[in-house]
């Protein structure tokens, strides 16, 4: 690895440490244990979706379904719980959320890989379908989840008061790392993003691996939906918030190249922490809600410009 590439890999971590130093200087209570635990819980959903976004972006694609996908899968999971399907069995609800996510991702994969539809258009269309389905499933109403073991995933605590949701994110980070670095699937994902035509020319089934990676991203969306409804104690058509934008921004800030072929799990995790840290900091600094989106958008734009700038340097 060249020195320039190494610099790009450690840049997100340097930015994170700088932000922590500045924020702790501005507000001594910012780095309290309660704040850190809250950050760990908040980063769980964004980080989980960001891992899926990273895998897709590494392959040279993009996936816009995560936001409304979380809403749709959350509504489906909440409705299954409310109707008492399988007696409201917690494992069945978990399986349903992951399965719905995998199906959603597989549909994206088929549209992109098999039908050769541009990822931007394909996932945008599926996103629209997910938006409509999230409203249809609950007829626009919220589904309350009360006094259920499902809440443990989003509200439970492990020893040292570590949020269960954060531990789940760490598990997904490990799984994604192993897939990308210890299996041939990971090798092919990077290769497809680097030069898809060459990969296809040497006989690798690009269609199969593209469908697999979109399915993986969809599964992470399903997991994020489960974490969201279990943390909030409800499912609603609008629970996704800015998750999609935050997740893509986290991947890019973490060093994942929008042109494909490059991205790391650690960088994406750090990027997710940075995004959540920015949101939390804006609240602590009493920035007006409408200006928070402006500020976050500016940070994301700077990250994209920085990505373009570093790509040019690395090519020289």
C-alpha atoms as a PDB file:
ATOM      1  CA  UNK A   1       0.000   0.000   0.000  1.00  0.00           C
ATOM      2  CA  UNK A   2       1.380   3.440  -0.950  1.00  0.00           C
ATOM      3  CA  UNK A   3       1.932   6.202   1.588  1.00  0.00           C
ATOM      4  CA  UNK A   4      -0.856   8.221  -0.043  1.00  0.00           C
ATOM      5  CA  UNK A   5      -3.319   5.371   0.420  1.00  0.00           C
ATOM      6  CA  UNK A   6      -2.230   4.958   4.055  1.00  0.00           C
ATOM      7  CA  UNK A   7      -2.848   8.658   4.652  1.00  0.00           C
ATOM      8  CA  UNK A   8      -6.370   8.313   3.298  1.00  0.00           C
ATOM      9  CA  UNK A   9      -7.010   5.313   5.571  1.00  0.00           C
ATOM     10  CA  UNK A  10      -6.006   7.137   8.772  1.00  0.00           C
ATOM     11  CA  UNK A  11      -7.590  10.504   7.870  1.00  0.00           C
ATOM     12  CA  UNK A  12     -11.075   9.616   9.274  1.00  0.00           C
ATOM     13  CA  UNK A  13      -9.524   8.581  12.593  1.00  0.00           C
ATOM     14  CA  UNK A  14      -7.533  11.833  12.790  1.00  0.00           C
ATOM     15  CA  UNK A  15     -10.711  13.814  12.074  1.00  0.00           C
ATOM     16  CA  UNK A  16     -12.594  11.907  14.786  1.00  0.00           C
ATOM     17  CA  UNK A  17      -9.902  12.524  17.401  1.00  0.00           C
ATOM     18  CA  UNK A  18      -9.760  16.217  16.458  1.00  0.00           C
ATOM     19  CA  UNK A  19     -13.551  16.524  16.776  1.00  0.00           C
ATOM     20  CA  UNK A  20     -13.525  14.873  20.202  1.00  0.00           C
ATOM     21  CA  UNK A  21     -10.773  17.226  21.381  1.00  0.00           C
ATOM     22  CA  UNK A  22     -12.596  20.340  20.144  1.00  0.00           C
ATOM     23  CA  UNK A  23     -16.004  19.298  21.475  1.00  0.00           C
ATOM     24  CA  UNK A  24     -14.571  18.375  24.861  1.00  0.00           C
ATOM     25  CA  UNK A  25     -12.949  21.813  25.001  1.00  0.00           C
ATOM     26  CA  UNK A  26     -16.232  23.553  24.175  1.00  0.00           C
ATOM     27  CA  UNK A  27     -18.261  21.469  26.621  1.00  0.00           C
ATOM     28  CA  UNK A  28     -16.559  19.574  29.435  1.00  0.00           C
ATOM     29  CA  UNK A  29     -19.647  17.399  29.935  1.00  0.00           C
ATOM     30  CA  UNK A  30     -19.606  16.211  26.342  1.00  0.00           C
ATOM     31  CA  UNK A  31     -17.282  13.287  27.010  1.00  0.00           C
ATOM     32  CA  UNK A  32     -19.221  12.028  30.018  1.00  0.00           C
ATOM     33  CA  UNK A  33     -19.969   8.311  30.332  1.00  0.00           C
ATOM     34  CA  UNK A  34     -23.680   8.876  29.763  1.00  0.00           C
ATOM     35  CA  UNK A  35     -22.969  10.783  26.543  1.00  0.00           C
ATOM     36  CA  UNK A  36     -20.629   8.061  25.287  1.00  0.00           C
ATOM     37  CA  UNK A  37     -23.191   5.349  25.999  1.00  0.00           C
ATOM     38  CA  UNK A  38     -25.811   7.381  24.180  1.00  0.00           C
ATOM     39  CA  UNK A  39     -23.463   7.771  21.206  1.00  0.00           C
ATOM     40  CA  UNK A  40     -22.866   4.019  21.152  1.00  0.00           C
ATOM     41  CA  UNK A  41     -26.597   3.401  20.986  1.00  0.00           C
ATOM     42  CA  UNK A  42     -27.182   6.006  18.276  1.00  0.00           C
ATOM     43  CA  UNK A  43     -24.343   4.825  16.058  1.00  0.00           C
ATOM     44  CA  UNK A  44     -25.714   1.274  15.973  1.00  0.00           C
ATOM     45  CA  UNK A  45     -28.376   1.864  13.309  1.00  0.00           C
ATOM     46  CA  UNK A  46     -26.321   4.261  11.174  1.00  0.00           C
ATOM     47  CA  UNK A  47     -23.283   2.005  11.388  1.00  0.00           C
ATOM     48  CA  UNK A  48     -25.227  -1.116  10.430  1.00  0.00           C
ATOM     49  CA  UNK A  49     -26.727   0.535   7.341  1.00  0.00           C
ATOM     50  CA  UNK A  50     -23.352   2.113   6.515  1.00  0.00           C
ATOM     51  CA  UNK A  51     -21.721  -1.331   6.351  1.00  0.00           C
ATOM     52  CA  UNK A  52     -24.234  -2.411   3.719  1.00  0.00           C
ATOM     53  CA  UNK A  53     -23.807   0.856   1.844  1.00  0.00           C
ATOM     54  CA  UNK A  54     -20.033   0.401   1.916  1.00  0.00           C
ATOM     55  CA  UNK A  55     -20.163  -3.077   0.392  1.00  0.00           C
ATOM     56  CA  UNK A  56     -22.385  -1.869  -2.446  1.00  0.00           C
ATOM     57  CA  UNK A  57     -20.296   1.249  -3.094  1.00  0.00           C
ATOM     58  CA  UNK A  58     -17.075  -0.794  -3.152  1.00  0.00           C
ATOM     59  CA  UNK A  59     -18.594  -2.801  -6.015  1.00  0.00           C
ATOM     60  CA  UNK A  60     -19.233   0.407  -7.942  1.00  0.00           C
ATOM     61  CA  UNK A  61     -22.959   0.579  -7.139  1.00  0.00           C
ATOM     62  CA  UNK A  62     -25.265   2.550  -4.867  1.00  0.00           C
ATOM     63  CA  UNK A  63     -28.313   1.640  -2.804  1.00  0.00           C
ATOM     64  CA  UNK A  64     -31.004   4.189  -1.923  1.00  0.00           C
ATOM     65  CA  UNK A  65     -33.521   1.775  -0.426  1.00  0.00           C
ATOM     66  CA  UNK A  66     -32.210   1.708   3.151  1.00  0.00           C
ATOM     67  CA  UNK A  67     -34.226   4.666   4.472  1.00  0.00           C
ATOM     68  CA  UNK A  68     -37.711   3.612   3.433  1.00  0.00           C
ATOM     69  CA  UNK A  69     -36.562  -0.004   3.632  1.00  0.00           C
ATOM     70  CA  UNK A  70     -36.158   0.452   7.389  1.00  0.00           C
ATOM     71  CA  UNK A  71     -39.648   1.955   7.570  1.00  0.00           C
ATOM     72  CA  UNK A  72     -41.246  -0.824   5.502  1.00  0.00           C
ATOM     73  CA  UNK A  73     -39.474  -3.685   7.283  1.00  0.00           C
ATOM     74  CA  UNK A  74     -40.100  -2.055  10.642  1.00  0.00           C
ATOM     75  CA  UNK A  75     -43.808  -1.783   9.887  1.00  0.00           C
ATOM     76  CA  UNK A  76     -43.878  -5.404   8.699  1.00  0.00           C
ATOM     77  CA  UNK A  77     -42.050  -6.621  11.815  1.00  0.00           C
ATOM     78  CA  UNK A  78     -44.239  -4.520  14.097  1.00  0.00           C
ATOM     79  CA  UNK A  79     -47.389  -5.784  12.427  1.00  0.00           C
ATOM     80  CA  UNK A  80     -46.251  -9.402  12.799  1.00  0.00           C
ATOM     81  CA  UNK A  81     -45.719  -8.734  16.496  1.00  0.00           C
ATOM     82  CA  UNK A  82     -49.098  -7.013  16.902  1.00  0.00           C
ATOM     83  CA  UNK A  83     -50.992  -9.799  15.134  1.00  0.00           C
ATOM     84  CA  UNK A  84     -49.299 -12.399  17.297  1.00  0.00           C
ATOM     85  CA  UNK A  85     -47.986 -14.450  14.388  1.00  0.00           C
ATOM     86  CA  UNK A  86     -46.213 -17.514  15.827  1.00  0.00           C
ATOM     87  CA  UNK A  87     -47.452 -16.236  19.218  1.00  0.00           C
ATOM     88  CA  UNK A  88     -45.268 -13.171  18.840  1.00  0.00           C
ATOM     89  CA  UNK A  89     -42.136 -15.343  19.031  1.00  0.00           C
ATOM     90  CA  UNK A  90     -39.131 -13.026  19.261  1.00  0.00           C
ATOM     91  CA  UNK A  91     -36.978 -15.235  17.060  1.00  0.00           C
ATOM     92  CA  UNK A  92     -39.613 -15.268  14.349  1.00  0.00           C
ATOM     93  CA  UNK A  93     -39.824 -11.455  14.375  1.00  0.00           C
ATOM     94  CA  UNK A  94     -36.021 -11.237  14.132  1.00  0.00           C
ATOM     95  CA  UNK A  95     -35.996 -13.764  11.292  1.00  0.00           C
ATOM     96  CA  UNK A  96     -38.805 -11.906   9.512  1.00  0.00           C
ATOM     97  CA  UNK A  97     -36.954  -8.569   9.641  1.00  0.00           C
ATOM     98  CA  UNK A  98     -33.735 -10.095   8.324  1.00  0.00           C
ATOM     99  CA  UNK A  99     -35.597 -12.091   5.664  1.00  0.00           C
ATOM    100  CA  UNK A 100     -37.569  -9.071   4.441  1.00  0.00           C
ATOM    101  CA  UNK A 101     -34.318  -7.135   4.248  1.00  0.00           C
ATOM    102  CA  UNK A 102     -32.585  -9.908   2.303  1.00  0.00           C
ATOM    103  CA  UNK A 103     -35.485 -10.103  -0.151  1.00  0.00           C
ATOM    104  CA  UNK A 104     -35.421  -6.333  -0.618  1.00  0.00           C
ATOM    105  CA  UNK A 105     -31.690  -6.471  -1.301  1.00  0.00           C
ATOM    106  CA  UNK A 106     -32.040  -9.437  -3.657  1.00  0.00           C
ATOM    107  CA  UNK A 107     -34.624  -7.516  -5.693  1.00  0.00           C
ATOM    108  CA  UNK A 108     -32.150  -4.661  -6.022  1.00  0.00           C
ATOM    109  CA  UNK A 109     -29.442  -7.112  -7.021  1.00  0.00           C
ATOM    110  CA  UNK A 110     -31.544  -8.731  -9.720  1.00  0.00           C
ATOM    111  CA  UNK A 111     -32.550  -5.355 -11.165  1.00  0.00           C
ATOM    112  CA  UNK A 112     -28.960  -4.121 -11.219  1.00  0.00           C
ATOM    113  CA  UNK A 113     -27.041  -7.281 -12.118  1.00  0.00           C
ATOM    114  CA  UNK A 114     -29.476  -9.359 -14.132  1.00  0.00           C
ATOM    115  CA  UNK A 115     -31.470  -6.627 -15.896  1.00  0.00           C
ATOM    116  CA  UNK A 116     -28.534  -4.181 -16.133  1.00  0.00           C
ATOM    117  CA  UNK A 117     -30.542  -1.259 -14.772  1.00  0.00           C
ATOM    118  CA  UNK A 118     -28.395   1.590 -13.488  1.00  0.00           C
ATOM    119  CA  UNK A 119     -28.119   1.193  -9.672  1.00  0.00           C
ATOM    120  CA  UNK A 120     -29.215   4.770  -9.068  1.00  0.00           C
ATOM    121  CA  UNK A 121     -32.465   4.266 -11.004  1.00  0.00           C
ATOM    122  CA  UNK A 122     -33.164   0.707  -9.827  1.00  0.00           C
ATOM    123  CA  UNK A 123     -32.756   1.382  -6.116  1.00  0.00           C
ATOM    124  CA  UNK A 124     -34.607   4.695  -6.393  1.00  0.00           C
ATOM    125  CA  UNK A 125     -37.583   2.848  -7.873  1.00  0.00           C
ATOM    126  CA  UNK A 126     -37.469   0.182  -5.153  1.00  0.00           C
ATOM    127  CA  UNK A 127     -37.171   2.957  -2.567  1.00  0.00           C
ATOM    128  CA  UNK A 128     -40.416   4.450  -3.863  1.00  0.00           C
ATOM    129  CA  UNK A 129     -42.114   1.056  -3.627  1.00  0.00           C
ATOM    130  CA  UNK A 130     -40.848   0.632  -0.058  1.00  0.00           C
ATOM    131  CA  UNK A 131     -42.176   4.066   0.826  1.00  0.00           C
ATOM    132  CA  UNK A 132     -45.639   3.177  -0.430  1.00  0.00           C
ATOM    133  CA  UNK A 133     -45.591  -0.227   1.242  1.00  0.00           C
ATOM    134  CA  UNK A 134     -44.590   1.264   4.594  1.00  0.00           C
ATOM    135  CA  UNK A 135     -47.706   3.436   4.455  1.00  0.00           C
ATOM    136  CA  UNK A 136     -49.905   0.605   3.195  1.00  0.00           C
ATOM    137  CA  UNK A 137     -48.909  -1.992   5.786  1.00  0.00           C
ATOM    138  CA  UNK A 138     -49.992   0.091   8.744  1.00  0.00           C
ATOM    139  CA  UNK A 139     -52.431   2.309   6.843  1.00  0.00           C
ATOM    140  CA  UNK A 140     -50.367   5.273   7.940  1.00  0.00           C
ATOM    141  CA  UNK A 141     -50.618   4.407  11.642  1.00  0.00           C
ATOM    142  CA  UNK A 142     -47.936   3.587  14.188  1.00  0.00           C
ATOM    143  CA  UNK A 143     -47.573   0.110  15.667  1.00  0.00           C
ATOM    144  CA  UNK A 144     -46.708   0.180  19.354  1.00  0.00           C
ATOM    145  CA  UNK A 145     -44.371  -2.451  20.811  1.00  0.00           C
ATOM    146  CA  UNK A 146     -44.681  -2.716  24.563  1.00  0.00           C
ATOM    147  CA  UNK A 147     -43.422  -5.156  27.174  1.00  0.00           C
ATOM    148  CA  UNK A 148     -41.769  -7.447  24.664  1.00  0.00           C
ATOM    149  CA  UNK A 149     -38.368  -9.186  24.685  1.00  0.00           C
ATOM    150  CA  UNK A 150     -37.858  -7.579  21.264  1.00  0.00           C
ATOM    151  CA  UNK A 151     -37.087  -4.305  23.039  1.00  0.00           C
ATOM    152  CA  UNK A 152     -33.916  -5.919  24.406  1.00  0.00           C
ATOM    153  CA  UNK A 153     -32.199  -5.504  21.041  1.00  0.00           C
ATOM    154  CA  UNK A 154     -32.567  -1.726  21.089  1.00  0.00           C
ATOM    155  CA  UNK A 155     -32.801  -0.929  24.803  1.00  0.00           C
ATOM    156  CA  UNK A 156     -30.981  -3.782  26.527  1.00  0.00           C
ATOM    157  CA  UNK A 157     -27.633  -3.460  28.259  1.00  0.00           C
ATOM    158  CA  UNK A 158     -24.681  -5.814  28.622  1.00  0.00           C
ATOM    159  CA  UNK A 159     -22.040  -5.803  31.374  1.00  0.00           C
ATOM    160  CA  UNK A 160     -20.352  -2.395  31.796  1.00  0.00           C
ATOM    161  CA  UNK A 161     -23.679  -0.913  30.642  1.00  0.00           C
ATOM    162  CA  UNK A 162     -22.740  -1.400  26.971  1.00  0.00           C
ATOM    163  CA  UNK A 163     -25.836  -1.195  24.724  1.00  0.00           C
ATOM    164  CA  UNK A 164     -26.862  -4.492  23.149  1.00  0.00           C
ATOM    165  CA  UNK A 165     -27.382  -2.671  19.839  1.00  0.00           C
ATOM    166  CA  UNK A 166     -23.737  -1.547  19.854  1.00  0.00           C
ATOM    167  CA  UNK A 167     -22.576  -5.115  20.464  1.00  0.00           C
ATOM    168  CA  UNK A 168     -24.699  -6.196  17.499  1.00  0.00           C
ATOM    169  CA  UNK A 169     -23.026  -3.522  15.360  1.00  0.00           C
ATOM    170  CA  UNK A 170     -19.617  -4.846  16.424  1.00  0.00           C
ATOM    171  CA  UNK A 171     -20.720  -8.339  15.388  1.00  0.00           C
ATOM    172  CA  UNK A 172     -21.745  -7.050  11.954  1.00  0.00           C
ATOM    173  CA  UNK A 173     -18.415  -5.232  11.646  1.00  0.00           C
ATOM    174  CA  UNK A 174     -16.595  -8.495  12.335  1.00  0.00           C
ATOM    175  CA  UNK A 175     -18.745 -10.418   9.847  1.00  0.00           C
ATOM    176  CA  UNK A 176     -18.241  -7.778   7.153  1.00  0.00           C
ATOM    177  CA  UNK A 177     -14.494  -7.677   7.801  1.00  0.00           C
ATOM    178  CA  UNK A 178     -14.232 -11.454   7.444  1.00  0.00           C
ATOM    179  CA  UNK A 179     -16.282 -11.429   4.230  1.00  0.00           C
ATOM    180  CA  UNK A 180     -14.216  -8.664   2.643  1.00  0.00           C
ATOM    181  CA  UNK A 181     -10.789  -9.825   3.774  1.00  0.00           C
ATOM    182  CA  UNK A 182     -10.961 -13.583   4.309  1.00  0.00           C
ATOM    183  CA  UNK A 183     -13.209 -14.890   1.521  1.00  0.00           C
ATOM    184  CA  UNK A 184     -13.164 -14.937  -2.258  1.00  0.00           C
ATOM    185  CA  UNK A 185     -16.452 -13.013  -2.209  1.00  0.00           C
ATOM    186  CA  UNK A 186     -14.590 -10.050  -0.741  1.00  0.00           C
ATOM    187  CA  UNK A 187     -11.848 -10.315  -3.341  1.00  0.00           C
ATOM    188  CA  UNK A 188     -14.433 -10.322  -6.114  1.00  0.00           C
ATOM    189  CA  UNK A 189     -16.342  -7.364  -4.618  1.00  0.00           C
ATOM    190  CA  UNK A 190     -13.214  -5.212  -4.674  1.00  0.00           C
ATOM    191  CA  UNK A 191     -12.295  -6.488  -8.134  1.00  0.00           C
ATOM    192  CA  UNK A 192     -15.759  -5.742  -9.550  1.00  0.00           C
ATOM    193  CA  UNK A 193     -15.538  -2.207  -8.224  1.00  0.00           C
ATOM    194  CA  UNK A 194     -12.032  -1.785  -9.623  1.00  0.00           C
ATOM    195  CA  UNK A 195     -12.705  -3.075 -13.135  1.00  0.00           C
ATOM    196  CA  UNK A 196     -15.890  -5.030 -13.745  1.00  0.00           C
ATOM    197  CA  UNK A 197     -15.134  -5.778 -17.395  1.00  0.00           C
ATOM    198  CA  UNK A 198     -11.844  -7.442 -16.519  1.00  0.00           C
ATOM    199  CA  UNK A 199     -13.484  -9.557 -13.810  1.00  0.00           C
ATOM    200  CA  UNK A 200     -16.163 -10.691 -16.239  1.00  0.00           C
ATOM    201  CA  UNK A 201     -13.524 -11.406 -18.910  1.00  0.00           C
ATOM    202  CA  UNK A 202     -11.603 -13.830 -16.686  1.00  0.00           C
ATOM    203  CA  UNK A 203     -14.761 -15.879 -16.144  1.00  0.00           C
ATOM    204  CA  UNK A 204     -16.057 -14.759 -12.737  1.00  0.00           C
ATOM    205  CA  UNK A 205     -19.849 -14.755 -12.402  1.00  0.00           C
ATOM    206  CA  UNK A 206     -20.317 -11.026 -11.781  1.00  0.00           C
ATOM    207  CA  UNK A 207     -24.106 -11.305 -11.740  1.00  0.00           C
ATOM    208  CA  UNK A 208     -24.087 -13.820  -8.882  1.00  0.00           C
ATOM    209  CA  UNK A 209     -21.749 -11.808  -6.700  1.00  0.00           C
ATOM    210  CA  UNK A 210     -23.573  -8.557  -7.316  1.00  0.00           C
ATOM    211  CA  UNK A 211     -26.847 -10.128  -6.251  1.00  0.00           C
ATOM    212  CA  UNK A 212     -25.112 -11.543  -3.161  1.00  0.00           C
ATOM    213  CA  UNK A 213     -23.694  -8.201  -2.082  1.00  0.00           C
ATOM    214  CA  UNK A 214     -26.997  -6.362  -2.572  1.00  0.00           C
ATOM    215  CA  UNK A 215     -28.680  -9.130  -0.576  1.00  0.00           C
ATOM    216  CA  UNK A 216     -26.125  -8.629   2.190  1.00  0.00           C
ATOM    217  CA  UNK A 217     -26.807  -4.891   2.194  1.00  0.00           C
ATOM    218  CA  UNK A 218     -30.533  -5.593   2.381  1.00  0.00           C
ATOM    219  CA  UNK A 219     -30.018  -7.954   5.313  1.00  0.00           C
ATOM    220  CA  UNK A 220     -28.216  -5.170   7.163  1.00  0.00           C
ATOM    221  CA  UNK A 221     -31.156  -2.879   6.402  1.00  0.00           C
ATOM    222  CA  UNK A 222     -33.448  -5.483   7.970  1.00  0.00           C
ATOM    223  CA  UNK A 223     -31.215  -5.620  11.040  1.00  0.00           C
ATOM    224  CA  UNK A 224     -31.243  -1.815  11.249  1.00  0.00           C
ATOM    225  CA  UNK A 225     -35.056  -1.878  11.105  1.00  0.00           C
ATOM    226  CA  UNK A 226     -35.133  -4.327  14.014  1.00  0.00           C
ATOM    227  CA  UNK A 227     -32.754  -2.145  16.048  1.00  0.00           C
ATOM    228  CA  UNK A 228     -34.820   0.948  15.266  1.00  0.00           C
ATOM    229  CA  UNK A 229     -38.229  -0.376  16.300  1.00  0.00           C
ATOM    230  CA  UNK A 230     -36.803  -2.089  19.379  1.00  0.00           C
ATOM    231  CA  UNK A 231     -35.103   1.131  20.502  1.00  0.00           C
ATOM    232  CA  UNK A 232     -38.143   3.341  19.907  1.00  0.00           C
ATOM    233  CA  UNK A 233     -40.720   0.806  21.052  1.00  0.00           C
ATOM    234  CA  UNK A 234     -42.796   1.464  17.960  1.00  0.00           C
ATOM    235  CA  UNK A 235     -42.898   1.086  14.184  1.00  0.00           C
ATOM    236  CA  UNK A 236     -43.998   3.951  11.969  1.00  0.00           C
ATOM    237  CA  UNK A 237     -43.812   4.849   8.259  1.00  0.00           C
ATOM    238  CA  UNK A 238     -41.475   7.762   9.015  1.00  0.00           C
ATOM    239  CA  UNK A 239     -39.006   6.213  11.472  1.00  0.00           C
ATOM    240  CA  UNK A 240     -36.120   6.163   9.006  1.00  0.00           C
ATOM    241  CA  UNK A 241     -35.168   9.825   9.560  1.00  0.00           C
ATOM    242  CA  UNK A 242     -31.916  10.706   7.786  1.00  0.00           C
ATOM    243  CA  UNK A 243     -30.483   7.195   8.113  1.00  0.00           C
ATOM    244  CA  UNK A 244     -29.848   6.694   4.381  1.00  0.00           C
ATOM    245  CA  UNK A 245     -27.963   9.959   3.919  1.00  0.00           C
ATOM    246  CA  UNK A 246     -26.047   9.464   7.159  1.00  0.00           C
ATOM    247  CA  UNK A 247     -25.050   5.918   6.199  1.00  0.00           C
ATOM    248  CA  UNK A 248     -23.756   6.832   2.749  1.00  0.00           C
ATOM    249  CA  UNK A 249     -21.956   9.830   4.228  1.00  0.00           C
ATOM    250  CA  UNK A 250     -20.399   7.598   6.900  1.00  0.00           C
ATOM    251  CA  UNK A 251     -19.065   5.218   4.259  1.00  0.00           C
ATOM    252  CA  UNK A 252     -17.605   8.048   2.168  1.00  0.00           C
ATOM    253  CA  UNK A 253     -16.148   9.903   5.149  1.00  0.00           C
ATOM    254  CA  UNK A 254     -14.645   6.583   6.218  1.00  0.00           C
ATOM    255  CA  UNK A 255     -12.672   6.355   2.994  1.00  0.00           C
ATOM    256  CA  UNK A 256     -14.971   4.334   0.732  1.00  0.00           C
ATOM    257  CA  UNK A 257     -14.516   5.572  -2.822  1.00  0.00           C
ATOM    258  CA  UNK A 258     -17.671   6.408  -4.759  1.00  0.00           C
ATOM    259  CA  UNK A 259     -15.868   5.247  -7.890  1.00  0.00           C
ATOM    260  CA  UNK A 260     -15.627   1.758  -6.386  1.00  0.00           C
ATOM    261  CA  UNK A 261     -12.829  -0.627  -5.527  1.00  0.00           C
ATOM    262  CA  UNK A 262     -11.864   0.829  -2.162  1.00  0.00           C
ATOM    263  CA  UNK A 263     -13.321   0.857   1.337  1.00  0.00           C
ATOM    264  CA  UNK A 264     -12.675  -0.591   4.794  1.00  0.00           C
ATOM    265  CA  UNK A 265     -14.826  -1.653   7.719  1.00  0.00           C
ATOM    266  CA  UNK A 266     -12.858   0.331  10.308  1.00  0.00           C
ATOM    267  CA  UNK A 267     -13.058   3.490   8.227  1.00  0.00           C
ATOM    268  CA  UNK A 268     -16.816   3.091   7.773  1.00  0.00           C
ATOM    269  CA  UNK A 269     -17.303   2.544  11.497  1.00  0.00           C
ATOM    270  CA  UNK A 270     -15.274   5.668  12.271  1.00  0.00           C
ATOM    271  CA  UNK A 271     -17.280   7.557   9.632  1.00  0.00           C
ATOM    272  CA  UNK A 272     -20.524   6.504  11.326  1.00  0.00           C
ATOM    273  CA  UNK A 273     -19.205   7.704  14.679  1.00  0.00           C
ATOM    274  CA  UNK A 274     -18.257  11.048  13.101  1.00  0.00           C
ATOM    275  CA  UNK A 275     -21.737  11.501  11.623  1.00  0.00           C
ATOM    276  CA  UNK A 276     -23.465  10.703  14.925  1.00  0.00           C
ATOM    277  CA  UNK A 277     -20.952  12.855  16.785  1.00  0.00           C
ATOM    278  CA  UNK A 278     -21.785  15.806  14.542  1.00  0.00           C
ATOM    279  CA  UNK A 279     -25.525  15.382  15.173  1.00  0.00           C
ATOM    280  CA  UNK A 280     -25.008  15.104  18.930  1.00  0.00           C
ATOM    281  CA  UNK A 281     -22.609  18.048  18.996  1.00  0.00           C
ATOM    282  CA  UNK A 282     -25.069  20.286  17.167  1.00  0.00           C
ATOM    283  CA  UNK A 283     -27.673  19.521  19.826  1.00  0.00           C
ATOM    284  CA  UNK A 284     -25.210  20.207  22.655  1.00  0.00           C
ATOM    285  CA  UNK A 285     -24.216  23.504  21.025  1.00  0.00           C
ATOM    286  CA  UNK A 286     -27.885  24.516  20.753  1.00  0.00           C
ATOM    287  CA  UNK A 287     -27.846  24.787  16.970  1.00  0.00           C
ATOM    288  CA  UNK A 288     -31.355  25.289  15.604  1.00  0.00           C
ATOM    289  CA  UNK A 289     -32.882  22.092  14.079  1.00  0.00           C
ATOM    290  CA  UNK A 290     -33.209  23.507  10.556  1.00  0.00           C
ATOM    291  CA  UNK A 291     -29.570  24.591  10.597  1.00  0.00           C
ATOM    292  CA  UNK A 292     -28.416  21.166  11.752  1.00  0.00           C
ATOM    293  CA  UNK A 293     -29.344  19.679   8.365  1.00  0.00           C
ATOM    294  CA  UNK A 294     -27.559  22.551   6.608  1.00  0.00           C
ATOM    295  CA  UNK A 295     -24.417  21.934   8.648  1.00  0.00           C
ATOM    296  CA  UNK A 296     -24.494  18.162   8.142  1.00  0.00           C
ATOM    297  CA  UNK A 297     -25.040  18.638   4.418  1.00  0.00           C
ATOM    298  CA  UNK A 298     -22.023  20.914   4.287  1.00  0.00           C
ATOM    299  CA  UNK A 299     -19.868  18.348   6.075  1.00  0.00           C
ATOM    300  CA  UNK A 300     -20.994  15.618   3.694  1.00  0.00           C
ATOM    301  CA  UNK A 301     -20.261  17.848   0.691  1.00  0.00           C
ATOM    302  CA  UNK A 302     -16.777  18.539   2.021  1.00  0.00           C
ATOM    303  CA  UNK A 303     -16.235  14.795   2.467  1.00  0.00           C
ATOM    304  CA  UNK A 304     -17.258  14.148  -1.143  1.00  0.00           C
ATOM    305  CA  UNK A 305     -14.942  16.892  -2.406  1.00  0.00           C
ATOM    306  CA  UNK A 306     -12.140  15.449  -0.288  1.00  0.00           C
ATOM    307  CA  UNK A 307     -12.805  12.002  -1.780  1.00  0.00           C
ATOM    308  CA  UNK A 308     -12.519  13.388  -5.316  1.00  0.00           C
ATOM    309  CA  UNK A 309      -9.347  15.270  -4.390  1.00  0.00           C
ATOM    310  CA  UNK A 310      -7.676  12.204  -2.873  1.00  0.00           C
ATOM    311  CA  UNK A 311      -8.671  10.019  -5.807  1.00  0.00           C
ATOM    312  CA  UNK A 312      -6.879  12.392  -8.141  1.00  0.00           C
ATOM    313  CA  UNK A 313      -3.789  12.339  -5.936  1.00  0.00           C
ATOM    314  CA  UNK A 314      -3.770   8.538  -5.706  1.00  0.00           C
ATOM    315  CA  UNK A 315      -3.985   8.260  -9.504  1.00  0.00           C
ATOM    316  CA  UNK A 316      -0.986  10.509 -10.040  1.00  0.00           C
END
